[in-house]
C-alpha atoms as a PDB file:
ATOM      1  CA  MET A   1      78.098 -23.616 132.360  1.00  0.00           C
ATOM      2  CA  GLN A   2      76.882 -20.106 132.721  1.00  0.00           C
ATOM      3  CA  ARG A   3      78.428 -17.772 135.201  1.00  0.00           C
ATOM      4  CA  ARG A   4      76.043 -15.708 137.251  1.00  0.00           C
ATOM      5  CA  ILE A   5      76.947 -12.185 138.095  1.00  0.00           C
ATOM      6  CA  PRO A   6      76.008 -11.364 141.648  1.00  0.00           C
ATOM      7  CA  ALA A   7      73.163  -8.840 141.943  1.00  0.00           C
ATOM      8  CA  VAL A   8      74.237  -5.439 143.167  1.00  0.00           C
ATOM      9  CA  PRO A   9      71.724  -3.976 145.593  1.00  0.00           C
ATOM     10  CA  ARG A  10      70.182  -0.683 144.448  1.00  0.00           C
ATOM     11  CA  GLN A  11      70.791   2.254 146.715  1.00  0.00           C
ATOM     12  CA  ALA A  12      67.741   4.160 147.851  1.00  0.00           C
ATOM     13  CA  GLY A  13      67.691   7.919 147.144  1.00  0.00           C
ATOM     14  CA  PHE A  14      66.079  10.693 145.173  1.00  0.00           C
ATOM     15  CA  THR A  15      66.637  11.360 141.541  1.00  0.00           C
ATOM     16  CA  LEU A  16      67.631  14.795 140.310  1.00  0.00           C
ATOM     17  CA  LEU A  17      64.192  15.256 138.767  1.00  0.00           C
ATOM     18  CA  GLU A  18      62.451  14.529 142.077  1.00  0.00           C
ATOM     19  CA  MET A  19      64.656  17.046 143.883  1.00  0.00           C
ATOM     20  CA  ILE A  20      63.945  19.746 141.275  1.00  0.00           C
ATOM     21  CA  VAL A  21      60.181  19.168 141.594  1.00  0.00           C
ATOM     22  CA  VAL A  22      60.382  19.532 145.386  1.00  0.00           C
ATOM     23  CA  LEU A  23      62.420  22.746 145.096  1.00  0.00           C
ATOM     24  CA  VAL A  24      59.899  24.199 142.620  1.00  0.00           C
ATOM     25  CA  ILE A  25      57.030  23.411 145.000  1.00  0.00           C
ATOM     26  CA  ILE A  26      58.881  25.030 147.924  1.00  0.00           C
ATOM     27  CA  GLY A  27      59.567  28.098 145.758  1.00  0.00           C
ATOM     28  CA  LEU A  28      55.890  28.425 144.844  1.00  0.00           C
ATOM     29  CA  ILE A  29      54.827  28.170 148.474  1.00  0.00           C
ATOM     30  CA  MET A  30      57.358  30.827 149.515  1.00  0.00           C
ATOM     31  CA  GLY A  31      56.148  33.055 146.693  1.00  0.00           C
ATOM     32  CA  LEU A  32      52.657  32.945 148.147  1.00  0.00           C
ATOM     33  CA  VAL A  33      53.501  33.094 151.852  1.00  0.00           C
ATOM     34  CA  GLY A  34      56.577  35.371 151.791  1.00  0.00           C
ATOM     35  CA  PRO A  35      54.860  38.670 150.927  1.00  0.00           C
ATOM     36  CA  ARG A  36      52.316  38.142 153.690  1.00  0.00           C
ATOM     37  CA  LEU A  37      55.075  37.575 156.243  1.00  0.00           C
ATOM     38  CA  PHE A  38      56.934  40.717 155.142  1.00  0.00           C
ATOM     39  CA  GLY A  39      53.676  42.692 155.320  1.00  0.00           C
ATOM     40  CA  GLN A  40      53.237  41.577 158.929  1.00  0.00           C
ATOM     41  CA  ALA A  41      56.783  42.719 159.753  1.00  0.00           C
ATOM     42  CA  ASP A  42      56.009  46.196 158.364  1.00  0.00           C
ATOM     43  CA  LYS A  43      52.807  46.386 160.414  1.00  0.00           C
ATOM     44  CA  ALA A  44      54.749  45.355 163.515  1.00  0.00           C
ATOM     45  CA  LYS A  45      57.228  48.215 162.989  1.00  0.00           C
ATOM     46  CA  VAL A  46      54.401  50.749 162.728  1.00  0.00           C
ATOM     47  CA  GLN A  47      52.786  49.346 165.895  1.00  0.00           C
ATOM     48  CA  THR A  48      56.146  49.502 167.696  1.00  0.00           C
ATOM     49  CA  ALA A  49      56.529  53.169 166.708  1.00  0.00           C
ATOM     50  CA  VAL A  50      53.004  53.930 167.980  1.00  0.00           C
ATOM     51  CA  THR A  51      53.753  52.212 171.287  1.00  0.00           C
ATOM     52  CA  GLN A  52      57.124  53.941 171.695  1.00  0.00           C
ATOM     53  CA  THR A  53      55.686  57.406 171.028  1.00  0.00           C
ATOM     54  CA  LYS A  54      53.009  56.775 173.662  1.00  0.00           C
ATOM     55  CA  MET A  55      55.668  55.591 176.120  1.00  0.00           C
ATOM     56  CA  LEU A  56      57.870  58.637 175.413  1.00  0.00           C
ATOM     57  CA  ARG A  57      54.883  60.971 175.742  1.00  0.00           C
ATOM     58  CA  GLY A  58      54.019  59.434 179.125  1.00  0.00           C
ATOM     59  CA  ALA A  59      57.610  59.892 180.326  1.00  0.00           C
ATOM     60  CA  LEU A  60      57.562  63.506 179.105  1.00  0.00           C
ATOM     61  CA  GLN A  61      54.296  64.150 180.950  1.00  0.00           C
ATOM     62  CA  THR A  62      55.746  62.729 184.169  1.00  0.00           C
ATOM     63  CA  MET A  63      58.844  64.889 183.801  1.00  0.00           C
ATOM     64  CA  ARG A  64      56.679  67.944 183.090  1.00  0.00           C
ATOM     65  CA  LEU A  65      54.914  67.422 186.409  1.00  0.00           C
ATOM     66  CA  ASP A  66      58.295  67.412 188.156  1.00  0.00           C
ATOM     67  CA  ILE A  67      59.957  70.388 186.445  1.00  0.00           C
ATOM     68  CA  SER A  68      56.761  72.331 185.558  1.00  0.00           C
ATOM     69  CA  ARG A  69      57.575  72.640 181.853  1.00  0.00           C
ATOM     70  CA  TRP A  70      58.133  70.670 178.652  1.00  0.00           C
ATOM     71  CA  PRO A  71      61.704  70.229 177.422  1.00  0.00           C
ATOM     72  CA  THR A  72      62.815  72.961 175.043  1.00  0.00           C
ATOM     73  CA  ASP A  73      63.479  72.043 171.426  1.00  0.00           C
ATOM     74  CA  GLN A  74      67.210  72.253 172.192  1.00  0.00           C
ATOM     75  CA  GLU A  75      66.959  69.928 175.221  1.00  0.00           C
ATOM     76  CA  GLY A  76      64.696  67.536 173.343  1.00  0.00           C
ATOM     77  CA  LEU A  77      64.134  63.955 174.449  1.00  0.00           C
ATOM     78  CA  ALA A  78      67.622  63.793 175.992  1.00  0.00           C
ATOM     79  CA  LEU A  79      66.167  65.563 179.035  1.00  0.00           C
ATOM     80  CA  LEU A  80      64.393  62.297 179.879  1.00  0.00           C
ATOM     81  CA  THR A  81      67.727  60.690 180.740  1.00  0.00           C
ATOM     82  CA  THR A  82      70.026  63.667 181.445  1.00  0.00           C
ATOM     83  CA  LYS A  83      69.599  66.147 184.289  1.00  0.00           C
ATOM     84  CA  PRO A  84      68.920  69.674 182.989  1.00  0.00           C
ATOM     85  CA  ALA A  85      71.613  72.339 183.230  1.00  0.00           C
ATOM     86  CA  ASN A  86      69.050  74.913 184.389  1.00  0.00           C
ATOM     87  CA  ALA A  87      69.202  75.021 188.204  1.00  0.00           C
ATOM     88  CA  ASP A  88      65.446  75.635 188.611  1.00  0.00           C
ATOM     89  CA  ALA A  89      64.534  72.654 186.413  1.00  0.00           C
ATOM     90  CA  ALA A  90      67.288  70.478 187.926  1.00  0.00           C
ATOM     91  CA  ARG A  91      65.826  70.989 191.396  1.00  0.00           C
ATOM     92  CA  GLY A  92      62.540  69.267 190.471  1.00  0.00           C
ATOM     93  CA  TRP A  93      64.003  66.753 188.013  1.00  0.00           C
ATOM     94  CA  ALA A  94      63.525  63.245 189.448  1.00  0.00           C
ATOM     95  CA  GLY A  95      64.847  61.253 186.492  1.00  0.00           C
ATOM     96  CA  PRO A  96      65.949  59.446 184.632  1.00  0.00           C
ATOM     97  CA  TYR A  97      62.448  58.904 183.298  1.00  0.00           C
ATOM     98  CA  LEU A  98      63.461  56.001 181.042  1.00  0.00           C
ATOM     99  CA  ASP A  99      65.185  52.781 182.070  1.00  0.00           C
ATOM    100  CA  GLU A 100      67.515  52.990 179.062  1.00  0.00           C
ATOM    101  CA  ALA A 101      68.584  55.582 176.510  1.00  0.00           C
ATOM    102  CA  VAL A 102      65.955  57.260 174.347  1.00  0.00           C
ATOM    103  CA  PRO A 103      65.131  54.626 171.707  1.00  0.00           C
ATOM    104  CA  GLN A 104      65.464  55.075 167.967  1.00  0.00           C
ATOM    105  CA  ASP A 105      62.334  54.458 165.930  1.00  0.00           C
ATOM    106  CA  PRO A 106      61.946  50.950 164.421  1.00  0.00           C
ATOM    107  CA  TRP A 107      63.606  52.175 161.203  1.00  0.00           C
ATOM    108  CA  GLY A 108      66.737  53.330 163.060  1.00  0.00           C
ATOM    109  CA  GLN A 109      65.994  57.084 163.040  1.00  0.00           C
ATOM    110  CA  PRO A 110      65.588  59.426 166.030  1.00  0.00           C
ATOM    111  CA  TYR A 111      62.114  60.461 167.112  1.00  0.00           C
ATOM    112  CA  GLN A 112      61.191  64.042 166.235  1.00  0.00           C
ATOM    113  CA  TYR A 113      60.300  66.295 169.174  1.00  0.00           C
ATOM    114  CA  SER A 114      59.115  69.884 169.489  1.00  0.00           C
ATOM    115  CA  GLN A 115      57.430  71.659 172.359  1.00  0.00           C
ATOM    116  CA  GLN A 116      54.939  73.146 169.878  1.00  0.00           C
ATOM    117  CA  PRO A 117      51.397  71.746 170.227  1.00  0.00           C
ATOM    118  CA  SER A 118      50.232  69.263 167.606  1.00  0.00           C
ATOM    119  CA  GLY A 119      46.500  69.006 167.106  1.00  0.00           C
ATOM    120  CA  GLU A 120      45.097  67.898 170.472  1.00  0.00           C
ATOM    121  CA  SER A 121      48.545  66.942 171.801  1.00  0.00           C
ATOM    122  CA  PRO A 122      50.407  69.581 173.853  1.00  0.00           C
ATOM    123  CA  ILE A 123      53.682  68.571 172.145  1.00  0.00           C
ATOM    124  CA  THR A 124      54.922  67.307 168.804  1.00  0.00           C
ATOM    125  CA  LEU A 125      56.446  63.816 169.020  1.00  0.00           C
ATOM    126  CA  TYR A 126      56.620  61.469 166.049  1.00  0.00           C
ATOM    127  CA  SER A 127      58.598  59.185 163.754  1.00  0.00           C
ATOM    128  CA  PHE A 128      58.991  59.944 160.040  1.00  0.00           C
ATOM    129  CA  GLY A 129      57.982  56.340 159.249  1.00  0.00           C
ATOM    130  CA  ALA A 130      59.649  53.876 156.883  1.00  0.00           C
ATOM    131  CA  ASP A 131      60.790  56.450 154.312  1.00  0.00           C
ATOM    132  CA  GLY A 132      62.536  58.701 156.869  1.00  0.00           C
ATOM    133  CA  ARG A 133      60.828  61.821 155.448  1.00  0.00           C
ATOM    134  CA  ALA A 134      57.930  63.995 156.546  1.00  0.00           C
ATOM    135  CA  GLY A 135      54.482  63.017 155.328  1.00  0.00           C
ATOM    136  CA  GLY A 136      53.870  59.910 153.297  1.00  0.00           C
ATOM    137  CA  GLU A 137      51.198  57.265 153.159  1.00  0.00           C
ATOM    138  CA  GLY A 138      50.893  53.684 154.352  1.00  0.00           C
ATOM    139  CA  GLN A 139      54.179  52.425 155.832  1.00  0.00           C
ATOM    140  CA  ASP A 140      55.810  55.779 154.985  1.00  0.00           C
ATOM    141  CA  ALA A 141      53.305  57.862 156.988  1.00  0.00           C
ATOM    142  CA  ASP A 142      54.441  59.806 160.046  1.00  0.00           C
ATOM    143  CA  VAL A 143      53.643  57.921 163.277  1.00  0.00           C
ATOM    144  CA  GLY A 144      52.780  59.452 166.632  1.00  0.00           C
ATOM    145  CA  TYR A 145      51.852  63.082 167.253  1.00  0.00           C
ATOM    146  CA  PRO A 146      53.117  64.817 164.089  1.00  0.00           C
ATOM    147  CA  PRO A 147      52.961  68.586 163.577  1.00  0.00           C
ATOM    148  CA  SER A 148      49.717  70.043 162.321  1.00  0.00           C
ATOM    149  CA  GLN A 149      51.559  71.419 159.269  1.00  0.00           C
ATOM    150  CA  PRO A 150      53.856  69.173 157.190  1.00  0.00           C
ATOM    151  CA  ALA A 151      57.285  69.032 158.813  1.00  0.00           C
ATOM    152  CA  THR A 152      60.554  69.528 157.012  1.00  0.00           C
ATOM    153  CA  PRO A 153      63.323  66.997 157.622  1.00  0.00           C
END
């Protein structure tokens, strides 16, 4: 008489080879899609800097109407949130002109301000861009109302 060995049910699952194939496919897809996503993030930072410089310029223009002058280079953008020490300017100051503190640019650097005219803008107000230095091209270009001449950091 022959003894029968009971059949052991096979467990369902993936083999190591199947898992490696899936991981390779996911890696190829990310290699194609990833750079495009990072490119969009860089464009978004530039657009944010453009929007913030316009917002800061509008706040500066409103403040100028109140105190009849642009902030000095020493006062800078802080005058948007802090009452001026000068009694004449403090009398007309109706700030703060921003809901929060003066923002940093999207790359974590302060915006550059000068009361010197820049091209058609009555002031100089800009971000150094991604590289944090004056000038540059593409993502590294200065954003906003940069000085007519190359600035020095």
